[in-house]
Amino acid sequence: MMQRLRKYFISGLLVWLPIWVTILVIRFIVDLLDGTMSLLPHQIRPDVVLGTHIPGIGVVITLVVILSTGIVVTNFLGRQIVSMGDRIVARIPLVRTIYNSVKQVLETIFKPGGQSFRKVLLVQFPREGMWSIAFQTGNSTPLVDAALNETDMVSVFIPATPNPTSGFLMMMPRKDVIELDMTIDQALKFVISLGVVQPNGSLPKIISQPEQV
């Protein structure tokens, strides 16, 4: 009897838990974007102008602002305005450090044709013989190459499990990493699920292997 009740409970949990988590995540995103309206002066906030609170209005307005900004900055005049704003920010201590760092990271990640977070790798970590999923974030710097007397280094990010927003930045010779034919989404699901969720379809194909010494 207890085993049957346990089976029913787990079956029900597997139905409701993903729905509950999905609702929580969506609600968090909606509340976060709605919260951006608090940056506006009180008189022109949607709740004040419309006279009532409409859930999700902040999401719509935020998306419209982002898309409109993208349309503006992709033309010549918009690029000049952004460039002028960058020069102004560059004159402000501390602010310029944070702003430039965040901008460089985002441009590197989202730049078309870039290699940042475009490749899923296997690396030996935390010791030889143990393998971890990693993402290539770019090539190493000339300073590191010179210090290690290497000519082909890559920088990789090894995400922590189950929270992939933290992890380790490593620099290693390209010959010591294995590139996998696996999408970023598949790799993240694999990491977040502690290896329970396997990549869909056939087994991931190995594109490159470390050279054997």
C-alpha atoms as a PDB file:
ATOM      1  CA  MET A   1       0.000   0.000   0.000  1.00  0.00           C
ATOM      2  CA  MET A   2       2.742   2.456   0.958  1.00  0.00           C
ATOM      3  CA  GLN A   3       4.676   1.669  -2.207  1.00  0.00           C
ATOM      4  CA  ARG A   4       1.607   2.397  -4.306  1.00  0.00           C
ATOM      5  CA  LEU A   5       1.000   5.696  -2.494  1.00  0.00           C
ATOM      6  CA  ARG A   6       4.648   6.591  -2.966  1.00  0.00           C
ATOM      7  CA  LYS A   7       4.357   5.830  -6.695  1.00  0.00           C
ATOM      8  CA  TYR A   8       1.244   8.015  -6.993  1.00  0.00           C
ATOM      9  CA  PHE A   9       2.913  10.835  -5.069  1.00  0.00           C
ATOM     10  CA  ILE A  10       6.032  10.802  -7.242  1.00  0.00           C
ATOM     11  CA  SER A  11       3.934  10.649 -10.435  1.00  0.00           C
ATOM     12  CA  GLY A  12       1.901  13.656  -9.301  1.00  0.00           C
ATOM     13  CA  LEU A  13       5.052  15.483  -8.238  1.00  0.00           C
ATOM     14  CA  LEU A  14       6.621  14.963 -11.658  1.00  0.00           C
ATOM     15  CA  VAL A  15       3.566  16.616 -13.219  1.00  0.00           C
ATOM     16  CA  TRP A  16       3.207  19.589 -10.905  1.00  0.00           C
ATOM     17  CA  LEU A  17       6.793  20.414  -9.957  1.00  0.00           C
ATOM     18  CA  PRO A  18       7.954  21.409 -13.482  1.00  0.00           C
ATOM     19  CA  ILE A  19       4.790  23.520 -13.877  1.00  0.00           C
ATOM     20  CA  TRP A  20       5.382  25.202 -10.513  1.00  0.00           C
ATOM     21  CA  VAL A  21       9.053  25.920 -11.220  1.00  0.00           C
ATOM     22  CA  THR A  22       8.202  27.267 -14.702  1.00  0.00           C
ATOM     23  CA  ILE A  23       5.580  29.595 -13.224  1.00  0.00           C
ATOM     24  CA  LEU A  24       8.037  30.798 -10.573  1.00  0.00           C
ATOM     25  CA  VAL A  25      10.733  31.528 -13.162  1.00  0.00           C
ATOM     26  CA  ILE A  26       8.330  33.349 -15.491  1.00  0.00           C
ATOM     27  CA  ARG A  27       6.895  35.307 -12.563  1.00  0.00           C
ATOM     28  CA  PHE A  28      10.402  36.274 -11.466  1.00  0.00           C
ATOM     29  CA  ILE A  29      11.266  37.535 -14.960  1.00  0.00           C
ATOM     30  CA  VAL A  30       7.974  39.442 -15.261  1.00  0.00           C
ATOM     31  CA  ASP A  31       8.405  41.015 -11.801  1.00  0.00           C
ATOM     32  CA  LEU A  32      12.002  41.908 -12.632  1.00  0.00           C
ATOM     33  CA  LEU A  33      11.049  43.642 -15.883  1.00  0.00           C
ATOM     34  CA  ASP A  34       8.032  45.277 -14.250  1.00  0.00           C
ATOM     35  CA  GLY A  35      10.412  46.596 -11.614  1.00  0.00           C
ATOM     36  CA  THR A  36      12.267  48.578 -14.267  1.00  0.00           C
ATOM     37  CA  MET A  37       9.279  50.923 -14.313  1.00  0.00           C
ATOM     38  CA  SER A  38      10.327  52.133 -10.858  1.00  0.00           C
ATOM     39  CA  LEU A  39      13.225  53.902 -12.590  1.00  0.00           C
ATOM     40  CA  LEU A  40      10.736  56.254 -14.242  1.00  0.00           C
ATOM     41  CA  PRO A  41       9.476  59.415 -12.530  1.00  0.00           C
ATOM     42  CA  HIS A  42       6.373  58.664 -10.501  1.00  0.00           C
ATOM     43  CA  GLN A  43       4.134  60.857 -12.668  1.00  0.00           C
ATOM     44  CA  ILE A  44       4.752  58.886 -15.885  1.00  0.00           C
ATOM     45  CA  ARG A  45       4.750  55.355 -14.524  1.00  0.00           C
ATOM     46  CA  PRO A  46       2.196  53.091 -16.288  1.00  0.00           C
ATOM     47  CA  ASP A  47       0.299  52.427 -13.048  1.00  0.00           C
ATOM     48  CA  VAL A  48      -0.182  56.169 -12.501  1.00  0.00           C
ATOM     49  CA  VAL A  49      -0.982  57.030 -16.119  1.00  0.00           C
ATOM     50  CA  LEU A  50      -3.440  54.140 -16.573  1.00  0.00           C
ATOM     51  CA  GLY A  51      -4.828  54.397 -13.062  1.00  0.00           C
ATOM     52  CA  THR A  52      -4.430  50.683 -12.402  1.00  0.00           C
ATOM     53  CA  HIS A  53      -1.721  48.043 -12.270  1.00  0.00           C
ATOM     54  CA  ILE A  54      -1.550  45.776 -15.309  1.00  0.00           C
ATOM     55  CA  PRO A  55       0.711  42.744 -14.714  1.00  0.00           C
ATOM     56  CA  GLY A  56       3.276  42.405 -17.473  1.00  0.00           C
ATOM     57  CA  ILE A  57       3.015  45.961 -18.784  1.00  0.00           C
ATOM     58  CA  GLY A  58       6.623  46.481 -17.732  1.00  0.00           C
ATOM     59  CA  VAL A  59       7.664  43.512 -19.871  1.00  0.00           C
ATOM     60  CA  VAL A  60       5.975  44.952 -22.949  1.00  0.00           C
ATOM     61  CA  ILE A  61       7.393  48.442 -22.414  1.00  0.00           C
ATOM     62  CA  THR A  62      10.899  47.088 -21.716  1.00  0.00           C
ATOM     63  CA  LEU A  63      10.871  44.963 -24.893  1.00  0.00           C
ATOM     64  CA  VAL A  64       9.610  47.921 -26.950  1.00  0.00           C
ATOM     65  CA  VAL A  65      12.339  50.167 -25.529  1.00  0.00           C
ATOM     66  CA  ILE A  66      15.056  47.569 -26.229  1.00  0.00           C
ATOM     67  CA  LEU A  67      13.875  46.959 -29.801  1.00  0.00           C
ATOM     68  CA  SER A  68      13.495  50.686 -30.459  1.00  0.00           C
ATOM     69  CA  THR A  69      16.971  51.319 -29.107  1.00  0.00           C
ATOM     70  CA  GLY A  70      18.367  48.574 -31.331  1.00  0.00           C
ATOM     71  CA  ILE A  71      16.719  50.138 -34.391  1.00  0.00           C
ATOM     72  CA  VAL A  72      18.145  53.562 -33.535  1.00  0.00           C
ATOM     73  CA  VAL A  73      21.722  52.508 -32.758  1.00  0.00           C
ATOM     74  CA  THR A  74      22.101  50.425 -35.909  1.00  0.00           C
ATOM     75  CA  ASN A  75      22.086  53.522 -38.127  1.00  0.00           C
ATOM     76  CA  PHE A  76      24.884  56.053 -38.519  1.00  0.00           C
ATOM     77  CA  LEU A  77      23.389  58.740 -36.255  1.00  0.00           C
ATOM     78  CA  GLY A  78      22.628  56.241 -33.526  1.00  0.00           C
ATOM     79  CA  ARG A  79      26.177  54.901 -33.561  1.00  0.00           C
ATOM     80  CA  GLN A  80      27.506  58.434 -33.210  1.00  0.00           C
ATOM     81  CA  ILE A  81      25.261  59.054 -30.197  1.00  0.00           C
ATOM     82  CA  VAL A  82      26.397  55.822 -28.540  1.00  0.00           C
ATOM     83  CA  SER A  83      30.025  56.676 -29.257  1.00  0.00           C
ATOM     84  CA  MET A  84      29.571  60.101 -27.676  1.00  0.00           C
ATOM     85  CA  GLY A  85      27.928  58.503 -24.630  1.00  0.00           C
ATOM     86  CA  ASP A  86      30.830  56.055 -24.307  1.00  0.00           C
ATOM     87  CA  ARG A  87      33.294  58.951 -24.317  1.00  0.00           C
ATOM     88  CA  ILE A  88      31.344  60.714 -21.571  1.00  0.00           C
ATOM     89  CA  VAL A  89      31.209  57.566 -19.415  1.00  0.00           C
ATOM     90  CA  ALA A  90      34.959  57.046 -19.996  1.00  0.00           C
ATOM     91  CA  ARG A  91      35.603  60.270 -18.060  1.00  0.00           C
ATOM     92  CA  ILE A  92      33.806  59.064 -14.907  1.00  0.00           C
ATOM     93  CA  PRO A  93      36.032  57.114 -12.469  1.00  0.00           C
ATOM     94  CA  LEU A  94      34.730  53.730 -11.235  1.00  0.00           C
ATOM     95  CA  VAL A  95      31.652  53.990 -13.469  1.00  0.00           C
ATOM     96  CA  ARG A  96      33.806  53.614 -16.598  1.00  0.00           C
ATOM     97  CA  THR A  97      35.460  50.491 -15.184  1.00  0.00           C
ATOM     98  CA  ILE A  98      32.151  48.743 -14.517  1.00  0.00           C
ATOM     99  CA  TYR A  99      30.505  49.966 -17.723  1.00  0.00           C
ATOM    100  CA  ASN A 100      33.408  49.069 -20.018  1.00  0.00           C
ATOM    101  CA  SER A 101      33.851  45.631 -18.434  1.00  0.00           C
ATOM    102  CA  VAL A 102      30.178  44.728 -18.791  1.00  0.00           C
ATOM    103  CA  LYS A 103      30.030  46.082 -22.346  1.00  0.00           C
ATOM    104  CA  GLN A 104      33.119  44.171 -23.457  1.00  0.00           C
ATOM    105  CA  VAL A 105      31.791  40.914 -22.012  1.00  0.00           C
ATOM    106  CA  LEU A 106      28.384  41.322 -23.672  1.00  0.00           C
ATOM    107  CA  GLU A 107      29.901  42.327 -27.019  1.00  0.00           C
ATOM    108  CA  THR A 108      32.203  39.324 -26.904  1.00  0.00           C
ATOM    109  CA  ILE A 109      29.371  36.911 -26.114  1.00  0.00           C
ATOM    110  CA  PHE A 110      26.789  38.274 -28.562  1.00  0.00           C
ATOM    111  CA  LYS A 111      29.114  39.359 -31.364  1.00  0.00           C
ATOM    112  CA  PRO A 112      28.125  37.527 -34.574  1.00  0.00           C
ATOM    113  CA  GLY A 113      30.738  34.973 -35.553  1.00  0.00           C
ATOM    114  CA  GLY A 114      32.404  35.134 -32.161  1.00  0.00           C
ATOM    115  CA  GLN A 115      33.708  32.030 -30.460  1.00  0.00           C
ATOM    116  CA  SER A 116      32.680  32.901 -26.895  1.00  0.00           C
ATOM    117  CA  PHE A 117      30.345  30.263 -25.515  1.00  0.00           C
ATOM    118  CA  ARG A 118      29.966  28.797 -28.992  1.00  0.00           C
ATOM    119  CA  LYS A 119      31.895  25.592 -28.347  1.00  0.00           C
ATOM    120  CA  VAL A 120      31.294  22.838 -25.799  1.00  0.00           C
ATOM    121  CA  LEU A 121      34.468  21.180 -24.607  1.00  0.00           C
ATOM    122  CA  LEU A 122      35.643  18.319 -22.460  1.00  0.00           C
ATOM    123  CA  VAL A 123      38.593  19.136 -20.225  1.00  0.00           C
ATOM    124  CA  GLN A 124      40.440  17.165 -17.592  1.00  0.00           C
ATOM    125  CA  PHE A 125      39.332  18.757 -14.320  1.00  0.00           C
ATOM    126  CA  PRO A 126      39.819  18.727 -11.330  1.00  0.00           C
ATOM    127  CA  ARG A 127      42.629  16.280 -12.047  1.00  0.00           C
ATOM    128  CA  GLU A 128      43.964  14.173 -14.878  1.00  0.00           C
ATOM    129  CA  GLY A 129      41.631  11.318 -15.686  1.00  0.00           C
ATOM    130  CA  MET A 130      38.483  13.176 -14.567  1.00  0.00           C
ATOM    131  CA  TRP A 131      36.554  15.033 -17.257  1.00  0.00           C
ATOM    132  CA  SER A 132      34.290  18.074 -17.001  1.00  0.00           C
ATOM    133  CA  ILE A 133      32.034  19.950 -19.405  1.00  0.00           C
ATOM    134  CA  ALA A 134      33.434  23.377 -20.293  1.00  0.00           C
ATOM    135  CA  PHE A 135      32.731  26.259 -22.667  1.00  0.00           C
ATOM    136  CA  GLN A 136      35.361  28.006 -24.737  1.00  0.00           C
ATOM    137  CA  THR A 137      35.297  31.718 -23.917  1.00  0.00           C
ATOM    138  CA  GLY A 138      38.078  32.754 -26.252  1.00  0.00           C
ATOM    139  CA  ASN A 139      41.758  32.556 -26.924  1.00  0.00           C
ATOM    140  CA  SER A 140      44.286  33.201 -24.219  1.00  0.00           C
ATOM    141  CA  THR A 141      46.210  36.476 -24.021  1.00  0.00           C
ATOM    142  CA  PRO A 142      49.729  36.911 -25.460  1.00  0.00           C
ATOM    143  CA  LEU A 143      51.012  37.551 -21.923  1.00  0.00           C
ATOM    144  CA  VAL A 144      49.816  34.128 -20.780  1.00  0.00           C
ATOM    145  CA  ASP A 145      51.160  32.448 -23.925  1.00  0.00           C
ATOM    146  CA  ALA A 146      54.572  34.036 -23.357  1.00  0.00           C
ATOM    147  CA  ALA A 147      54.651  33.181 -19.649  1.00  0.00           C
ATOM    148  CA  LEU A 148      53.830  29.530 -20.348  1.00  0.00           C
ATOM    149  CA  ASN A 149      55.891  29.316 -23.538  1.00  0.00           C
ATOM    150  CA  GLU A 150      52.812  28.121 -25.433  1.00  0.00           C
ATOM    151  CA  THR A 151      51.594  29.322 -28.806  1.00  0.00           C
ATOM    152  CA  ASP A 152      48.022  28.029 -28.911  1.00  0.00           C
ATOM    153  CA  MET A 153      46.172  28.488 -25.638  1.00  0.00           C
ATOM    154  CA  VAL A 154      42.422  28.783 -25.062  1.00  0.00           C
ATOM    155  CA  SER A 155      40.460  30.158 -22.137  1.00  0.00           C
ATOM    156  CA  VAL A 156      37.613  27.961 -20.949  1.00  0.00           C
ATOM    157  CA  PHE A 157      34.840  28.333 -18.389  1.00  0.00           C
ATOM    158  CA  ILE A 158      34.016  25.251 -16.326  1.00  0.00           C
ATOM    159  CA  PRO A 159      30.506  25.719 -14.889  1.00  0.00           C
ATOM    160  CA  ALA A 160      29.575  24.550 -11.406  1.00  0.00           C
ATOM    161  CA  THR A 161      26.719  22.124 -10.849  1.00  0.00           C
ATOM    162  CA  PRO A 162      23.797  22.718 -10.508  1.00  0.00           C
ATOM    163  CA  ASN A 163      24.385  26.489 -10.691  1.00  0.00           C
ATOM    164  CA  PRO A 164      26.217  27.178 -13.977  1.00  0.00           C
ATOM    165  CA  THR A 165      26.506  30.914 -13.258  1.00  0.00           C
ATOM    166  CA  SER A 166      29.509  30.161 -11.070  1.00  0.00           C
ATOM    167  CA  GLY A 167      32.530  28.090 -11.930  1.00  0.00           C
ATOM    168  CA  PHE A 168      36.186  28.294 -12.862  1.00  0.00           C
ATOM    169  CA  LEU A 169      38.138  30.121 -15.541  1.00  0.00           C
ATOM    170  CA  MET A 170      40.977  28.011 -16.894  1.00  0.00           C
ATOM    171  CA  MET A 171      43.624  28.544 -19.556  1.00  0.00           C
ATOM    172  CA  MET A 172      45.053  25.480 -21.228  1.00  0.00           C
ATOM    173  CA  PRO A 173      46.675  24.364 -24.472  1.00  0.00           C
ATOM    174  CA  ARG A 174      44.184  23.752 -27.253  1.00  0.00           C
ATOM    175  CA  LYS A 175      45.652  20.298 -27.763  1.00  0.00           C
ATOM    176  CA  ASP A 176      44.466  19.336 -24.249  1.00  0.00           C
ATOM    177  CA  VAL A 177      40.759  19.950 -24.846  1.00  0.00           C
ATOM    178  CA  ILE A 178      38.156  17.874 -26.673  1.00  0.00           C
ATOM    179  CA  GLU A 179      35.572  19.739 -28.727  1.00  0.00           C
ATOM    180  CA  LEU A 180      32.121  18.134 -28.725  1.00  0.00           C
ATOM    181  CA  ASP A 181      29.375  18.335 -31.310  1.00  0.00           C
ATOM    182  CA  MET A 182      26.904  19.432 -28.632  1.00  0.00           C
ATOM    183  CA  THR A 183      24.804  22.595 -28.435  1.00  0.00           C
ATOM    184  CA  ILE A 184      25.134  25.076 -25.583  1.00  0.00           C
ATOM    185  CA  ASP A 185      21.568  24.284 -24.475  1.00  0.00           C
ATOM    186  CA  GLN A 186      22.280  20.564 -24.339  1.00  0.00           C
ATOM    187  CA  ALA A 187      25.443  21.124 -22.316  1.00  0.00           C
ATOM    188  CA  LEU A 188      23.691  23.459 -19.858  1.00  0.00           C
ATOM    189  CA  LYS A 189      20.832  20.994 -19.336  1.00  0.00           C
ATOM    190  CA  PHE A 190      23.383  18.260 -18.729  1.00  0.00           C
ATOM    191  CA  VAL A 191      25.214  20.390 -16.144  1.00  0.00           C
ATOM    192  CA  ILE A 192      22.123  21.737 -14.361  1.00  0.00           C
ATOM    193  CA  SER A 193      20.523  18.287 -14.110  1.00  0.00           C
ATOM    194  CA  LEU A 194      23.691  16.801 -12.585  1.00  0.00           C
ATOM    195  CA  GLY A 195      24.116  14.663 -15.681  1.00  0.00           C
ATOM    196  CA  VAL A 196      20.608  13.194 -15.524  1.00  0.00           C
ATOM    197  CA  VAL A 197      19.304  14.905 -18.687  1.00  0.00           C
ATOM    198  CA  GLN A 198      21.269  13.448 -21.579  1.00  0.00           C
ATOM    199  CA  PRO A 199      21.597  15.220 -24.968  1.00  0.00           C
ATOM    200  CA  ASN A 200      18.713  14.324 -27.277  1.00  0.00           C
ATOM    201  CA  GLY A 201      19.271  12.150 -30.312  1.00  0.00           C
ATOM    202  CA  SER A 202      22.467  10.288 -30.999  1.00  0.00           C
ATOM    203  CA  LEU A 203      25.497  10.436 -28.788  1.00  0.00           C
ATOM    204  CA  PRO A 204      27.502  13.662 -29.140  1.00  0.00           C
ATOM    205  CA  LYS A 205      30.181  13.373 -31.777  1.00  0.00           C
ATOM    206  CA  ILE A 206      33.748  14.168 -30.830  1.00  0.00           C
ATOM    207  CA  ILE A 207      35.132  16.800 -33.190  1.00  0.00           C
ATOM    208  CA  SER A 208      38.680  16.956 -31.887  1.00  0.00           C
ATOM    209  CA  GLN A 209      40.781  15.020 -29.418  1.00  0.00           C
ATOM    210  CA  PRO A 210      43.839  15.894 -27.347  1.00  0.00           C
ATOM    211  CA  GLU A 211      47.103  14.832 -28.817  1.00  0.00           C
ATOM    212  CA  GLN A 212      48.553  11.787 -27.173  1.00  0.00           C
ATOM    213  CA  VAL A 213      52.028  12.304 -25.764  1.00  0.00           C
END
